[in-house]
Amino acid sequence: MKRFLFFAFAIYVTAIFSCTHDPIYSPPDTTDLTGNEPCDPDIIYYEKDIQPILNSSCAYVGCHDANTAEHNVDLSSYTKALREVEPGRLKNSELYEVITTSNPGKRMPPSGKLPAELIGPIEKWILQGAKNLTCDQSATNCNIEGSTYSGAVKGIMSTYCYGCHSGSNPLGRIRLDSYETVKASANNGSLYGSIAWVSGYQRMPDGLPKLDDCNINKVKNWIDNGAQNN
């Protein structure tokens, strides 16, 4: 009887502590992905979804780019970023810890906590195994008609622009972290001119690859339709 009670107690304790583990996530089947398939909205792709967030918010000059690598942390590539995560384990992933902590002294980026729409993809990427998956963005259906600020433009700005153009000291004194500031740049032509790399405008994102045509055209469609707060 004592032995039975001991085993019962052990099972109970194990069940209690298991509740503190990372959430269970069943990742989609990615065994056959070669990079030639259209992008799946349920899958997080590193180059498409994660690296732009890191470039904008972390891997820039003076912080965690390849040359600076502050505190020996380099987030400029997949292989370097992988050093800061444990695939499938949020609590063991330093990258996730520093972007979600409530401690201002440990939080990254120092300018302020990332918005939920940027933390979400990083969280999902880690839970899906932190893989370096690729897809053919040109083969993915891109619906640009009726692009809205909340449905398209805000997400593009947060992924590619917030890191440099938000906070109290934005690059070039240009903020793109609210509807009003984005509309101002849309009205003076600098928003489209910069992301489309039109001659005479500063190419953006600064020092990074040009946005794909789908995202550029979504922004253009929104501007052409009056840059409304929709």
Protein backbone atom coordinates (compact mmCIF):
# COMPACT_ATOMS: atom_id res chain seq x y z
CA MET A 1 0.00 0.00 0.00
CA LYS A 2 2.81 2.45 0.85
CA ARG A 3 4.47 1.75 -2.49
CA PHE A 4 1.18 2.37 -4.33
CA LEU A 5 0.67 5.67 -2.50
CA PHE A 6 4.22 6.71 -3.34
CA PHE A 7 3.73 6.08 -7.07
CA ALA A 8 0.35 7.84 -7.01
CA PHE A 9 1.93 10.87 -5.36
CA ALA A 10 4.76 10.90 -7.93
CA ILE A 11 2.27 10.86 -10.80
CA TYR A 12 0.33 13.72 -9.20
CA VAL A 13 3.45 15.85 -8.73
CA THR A 14 4.52 15.20 -12.32
CA ALA A 15 1.11 16.28 -13.59
CA ILE A 16 1.23 19.49 -11.53
CA PHE A 17 4.66 20.53 -12.76
CA SER A 18 3.87 19.62 -16.37
CA CYS A 19 1.42 22.52 -16.40
CA THR A 20 4.33 24.98 -16.35
CA HIS A 21 5.91 23.66 -19.53
CA ASP A 22 5.83 25.46 -22.86
CA PRO A 23 2.50 25.22 -24.67
CA ILE A 24 2.05 22.13 -26.80
CA TYR A 25 2.07 23.02 -30.47
CA SER A 26 1.54 20.68 -33.39
CA PRO A 27 3.54 22.19 -36.25
CA PRO A 28 2.39 21.74 -39.83
CA ASP A 29 4.11 19.14 -41.97
CA THR A 30 7.15 20.82 -43.50
CA THR A 31 9.08 17.76 -44.61
CA ASP A 32 8.46 18.36 -48.31
CA LEU A 33 9.07 22.12 -48.44
CA THR A 34 11.76 22.96 -50.98
CA GLY A 35 11.26 26.70 -51.39
CA ASN A 36 9.36 26.36 -54.66
CA GLU A 37 5.89 26.15 -53.11
CA PRO A 38 3.61 29.14 -52.49
CA CYS A 39 3.85 30.49 -48.96
CA ASP A 40 1.52 28.81 -46.46
CA PRO A 41 -0.12 31.32 -44.07
CA ASP A 42 0.07 28.75 -41.25
CA ILE A 43 3.85 28.39 -41.54
CA ILE A 44 6.45 30.91 -40.35
CA TYR A 45 9.29 31.35 -42.84
CA TYR A 46 12.52 32.74 -41.43
CA GLU A 47 13.66 34.94 -44.31
CA LYS A 48 10.16 36.22 -45.06
CA ASP A 49 8.71 36.61 -41.58
CA ILE A 50 11.45 36.70 -38.94
CA GLN A 51 14.61 38.25 -40.39
CA PRO A 52 12.80 41.51 -41.36
CA ILE A 53 11.61 41.90 -37.75
CA LEU A 54 15.11 41.29 -36.40
CA ASN A 55 16.65 43.63 -38.96
CA SER A 56 14.27 46.43 -38.06
CA SER A 57 14.26 45.99 -34.29
CA CYS A 58 17.56 44.33 -33.33
CA ALA A 59 20.17 43.71 -36.04
CA TYR A 60 21.08 47.30 -36.85
CA VAL A 61 24.30 49.32 -36.45
CA GLY A 62 25.21 49.81 -32.81
CA CYS A 63 23.16 46.87 -31.58
CA HIS A 64 23.03 43.28 -32.83
CA ASP A 65 24.20 43.54 -36.43
CA ALA A 66 27.17 41.51 -37.69
CA ASN A 67 29.72 44.27 -37.07
CA THR A 68 28.58 45.47 -33.64
CA ALA A 69 27.22 42.25 -32.11
CA GLU A 70 26.60 43.91 -28.75
CA HIS A 71 27.11 41.48 -25.85
CA ASN A 72 28.33 38.99 -28.49
CA VAL A 73 24.80 38.65 -29.88
CA ASP A 74 24.50 38.75 -33.67
CA LEU A 75 21.00 38.52 -35.14
CA SER A 76 21.86 39.29 -38.74
CA SER A 77 21.35 35.78 -40.12
CA TYR A 78 19.52 32.53 -39.45
CA THR A 79 22.55 30.64 -38.18
CA LYS A 80 23.44 33.48 -35.78
CA ALA A 81 19.87 33.97 -34.55
CA LEU A 82 19.52 30.23 -33.93
CA ARG A 83 22.14 30.54 -31.16
CA GLU A 84 19.62 32.58 -29.16
CA VAL A 85 16.73 30.11 -29.32
CA GLU A 86 15.96 26.52 -28.44
CA PRO A 87 13.61 25.12 -31.09
CA GLY A 88 10.23 24.32 -29.61
CA ARG A 89 11.04 25.81 -26.19
CA LEU A 90 10.05 29.39 -25.47
CA LYS A 91 11.29 29.45 -21.88
CA ASN A 92 14.75 28.25 -22.94
CA SER A 93 15.00 30.79 -25.78
CA GLU A 94 16.91 33.92 -24.80
CA LEU A 95 15.53 35.82 -27.79
CA TYR A 96 11.97 35.26 -26.65
CA GLU A 97 12.79 36.04 -23.03
CA VAL A 98 14.30 39.47 -23.74
CA ILE A 99 11.48 40.62 -26.03
CA THR A 100 8.75 39.59 -23.57
CA THR A 101 10.23 40.41 -20.16
CA SER A 102 8.58 43.10 -18.04
CA ASN A 103 11.97 44.13 -16.65
CA PRO A 104 13.04 47.32 -18.49
CA GLY A 105 16.68 46.63 -17.63
CA LYS A 106 16.65 43.34 -19.52
CA ARG A 107 14.09 44.09 -22.22
CA MET A 108 15.07 44.36 -25.87
CA PRO A 109 14.96 46.46 -27.86
CA PRO A 110 15.89 49.16 -25.31
CA SER A 111 13.56 51.68 -26.99
CA GLY A 112 10.50 49.75 -25.82
CA LYS A 113 8.70 46.44 -25.94
CA LEU A 114 7.89 45.06 -29.36
CA PRO A 115 4.19 45.17 -30.29
CA ALA A 116 2.24 41.94 -30.10
CA GLU A 117 2.07 41.66 -33.89
CA LEU A 118 5.87 41.28 -33.98
CA ILE A 119 6.26 39.05 -30.93
CA GLY A 120 3.61 36.65 -32.27
CA PRO A 121 5.53 35.47 -35.37
CA ILE A 122 8.74 34.99 -33.35
CA GLU A 123 6.85 32.92 -30.77
CA LYS A 124 5.20 30.80 -33.45
CA TRP A 125 8.50 30.35 -35.31
CA ILE A 126 10.20 28.98 -32.19
CA LEU A 127 7.28 26.66 -31.41
CA GLN A 128 7.30 25.40 -35.01
CA GLY A 129 10.91 24.32 -34.53
CA ALA A 130 12.78 27.53 -35.47
CA LYS A 131 13.36 26.17 -38.97
CA ASN A 132 14.91 27.96 -41.92
CA LEU A 133 12.03 27.30 -44.30
CA THR A 134 11.57 29.13 -47.58
CA CYS A 135 8.72 29.59 -50.01
CA ASP A 136 8.09 31.17 -53.39
CA GLN A 137 6.50 34.52 -52.58
CA SER A 138 5.94 35.24 -56.27
CA ALA A 139 3.78 32.11 -56.51
CA THR A 140 1.59 33.26 -53.62
CA ASN A 141 -1.64 35.00 -54.53
CA CYS A 142 -1.23 38.70 -53.76
CA ASN A 143 -4.50 40.57 -53.45
CA ILE A 144 -3.72 44.28 -53.43
CA GLU A 145 -7.16 45.60 -54.24
CA GLY A 146 -8.81 47.41 -51.37
CA SER A 147 -5.73 47.37 -49.16
CA THR A 148 -6.46 48.98 -45.80
CA TYR A 149 -4.28 50.57 -43.16
CA SER A 150 -5.21 48.10 -40.42
CA GLY A 151 -5.27 45.04 -42.70
CA ALA A 152 -2.07 45.62 -44.66
CA VAL A 153 -0.12 48.84 -44.22
CA LYS A 154 0.20 48.81 -40.42
CA GLY A 155 1.64 45.29 -40.50
CA ILE A 156 4.14 46.20 -43.22
CA MET A 157 5.26 49.24 -41.25
CA SER A 158 5.64 47.27 -38.01
CA THR A 159 7.63 44.47 -39.64
CA TYR A 160 9.99 46.56 -41.73
CA CYS A 161 10.03 50.08 -40.28
CA TYR A 162 9.25 50.28 -36.54
CA GLY A 163 12.79 49.52 -35.45
CA CYS A 164 14.16 52.67 -37.07
CA HIS A 165 11.09 54.88 -37.29
CA SER A 166 9.52 54.77 -33.84
CA GLY A 167 10.24 55.98 -30.34
CA SER A 168 11.68 59.29 -29.19
CA ASN A 169 14.65 59.35 -31.58
CA PRO A 170 13.51 57.90 -34.94
CA LEU A 171 15.83 57.74 -37.93
CA GLY A 172 15.65 60.97 -39.92
CA ARG A 173 13.11 62.23 -37.37
CA ILE A 174 10.48 60.26 -39.28
CA ARG A 175 8.05 58.15 -37.31
CA LEU A 176 5.96 55.42 -38.89
CA ASP A 177 4.36 53.91 -35.80
CA SER A 178 0.90 55.46 -36.03
CA TYR A 179 -1.71 56.15 -38.66
CA GLU A 180 -1.12 59.91 -38.49
CA THR A 181 2.63 59.67 -39.07
CA VAL A 182 2.30 57.09 -41.85
CA LYS A 183 -0.35 59.22 -43.58
CA ALA A 184 1.93 62.27 -43.41
CA SER A 185 4.69 60.35 -45.21
CA ALA A 186 2.16 59.01 -47.70
CA ASN A 187 0.86 62.51 -48.46
CA ASN A 188 4.30 64.00 -49.16
CA GLY A 189 5.28 61.07 -51.41
CA SER A 190 8.19 59.87 -49.28
CA LEU A 191 6.56 56.65 -48.12
CA TYR A 192 6.02 55.14 -51.55
CA GLY A 193 9.12 56.81 -53.00
CA SER A 194 11.34 55.25 -50.34
CA ILE A 195 9.97 51.69 -50.35
CA ALA A 196 9.72 51.57 -54.17
CA TRP A 197 13.26 52.96 -54.48
CA VAL A 198 12.15 55.82 -56.68
CA SER A 199 15.01 58.06 -57.81
CA GLY A 200 15.46 61.04 -55.47
CA TYR A 201 14.21 59.24 -52.35
CA GLN A 202 16.20 57.50 -49.62
CA ARG A 203 15.95 53.77 -50.20
CA MET A 204 14.14 51.98 -47.40
CA PRO A 205 14.46 49.77 -45.42
CA ASP A 206 17.86 51.37 -44.83
CA GLY A 207 20.70 49.08 -45.89
CA LEU A 208 18.37 46.11 -46.38
CA PRO A 209 16.83 44.39 -49.41
CA LYS A 210 13.94 46.06 -51.18
CA LEU A 211 10.44 45.07 -50.10
CA ASP A 212 8.76 42.51 -52.32
CA ASP A 213 6.41 43.79 -55.02
CA CYS A 214 3.32 42.53 -53.20
CA ASN A 215 3.93 44.66 -50.12
CA ILE A 216 4.94 47.70 -52.17
CA ASN A 217 1.78 47.46 -54.24
CA LYS A 218 -0.41 47.06 -51.15
CA VAL A 219 0.97 50.33 -49.79
CA LYS A 220 0.52 52.02 -53.18
CA ASN A 221 -3.08 50.82 -53.46
CA TRP A 222 -3.83 52.20 -50.00
CA ILE A 223 -2.27 55.54 -50.90
CA ASP A 224 -4.06 55.71 -54.26
CA ASN A 225 -7.36 55.17 -52.46
CA GLY A 226 -6.85 58.14 -50.17
CA ALA A 227 -4.62 56.72 -47.42
CA GLN A 228 -7.64 56.29 -45.17
CA ASN A 229 -7.63 55.16 -41.55
CA ASN A 230 -9.48 51.97 -42.40
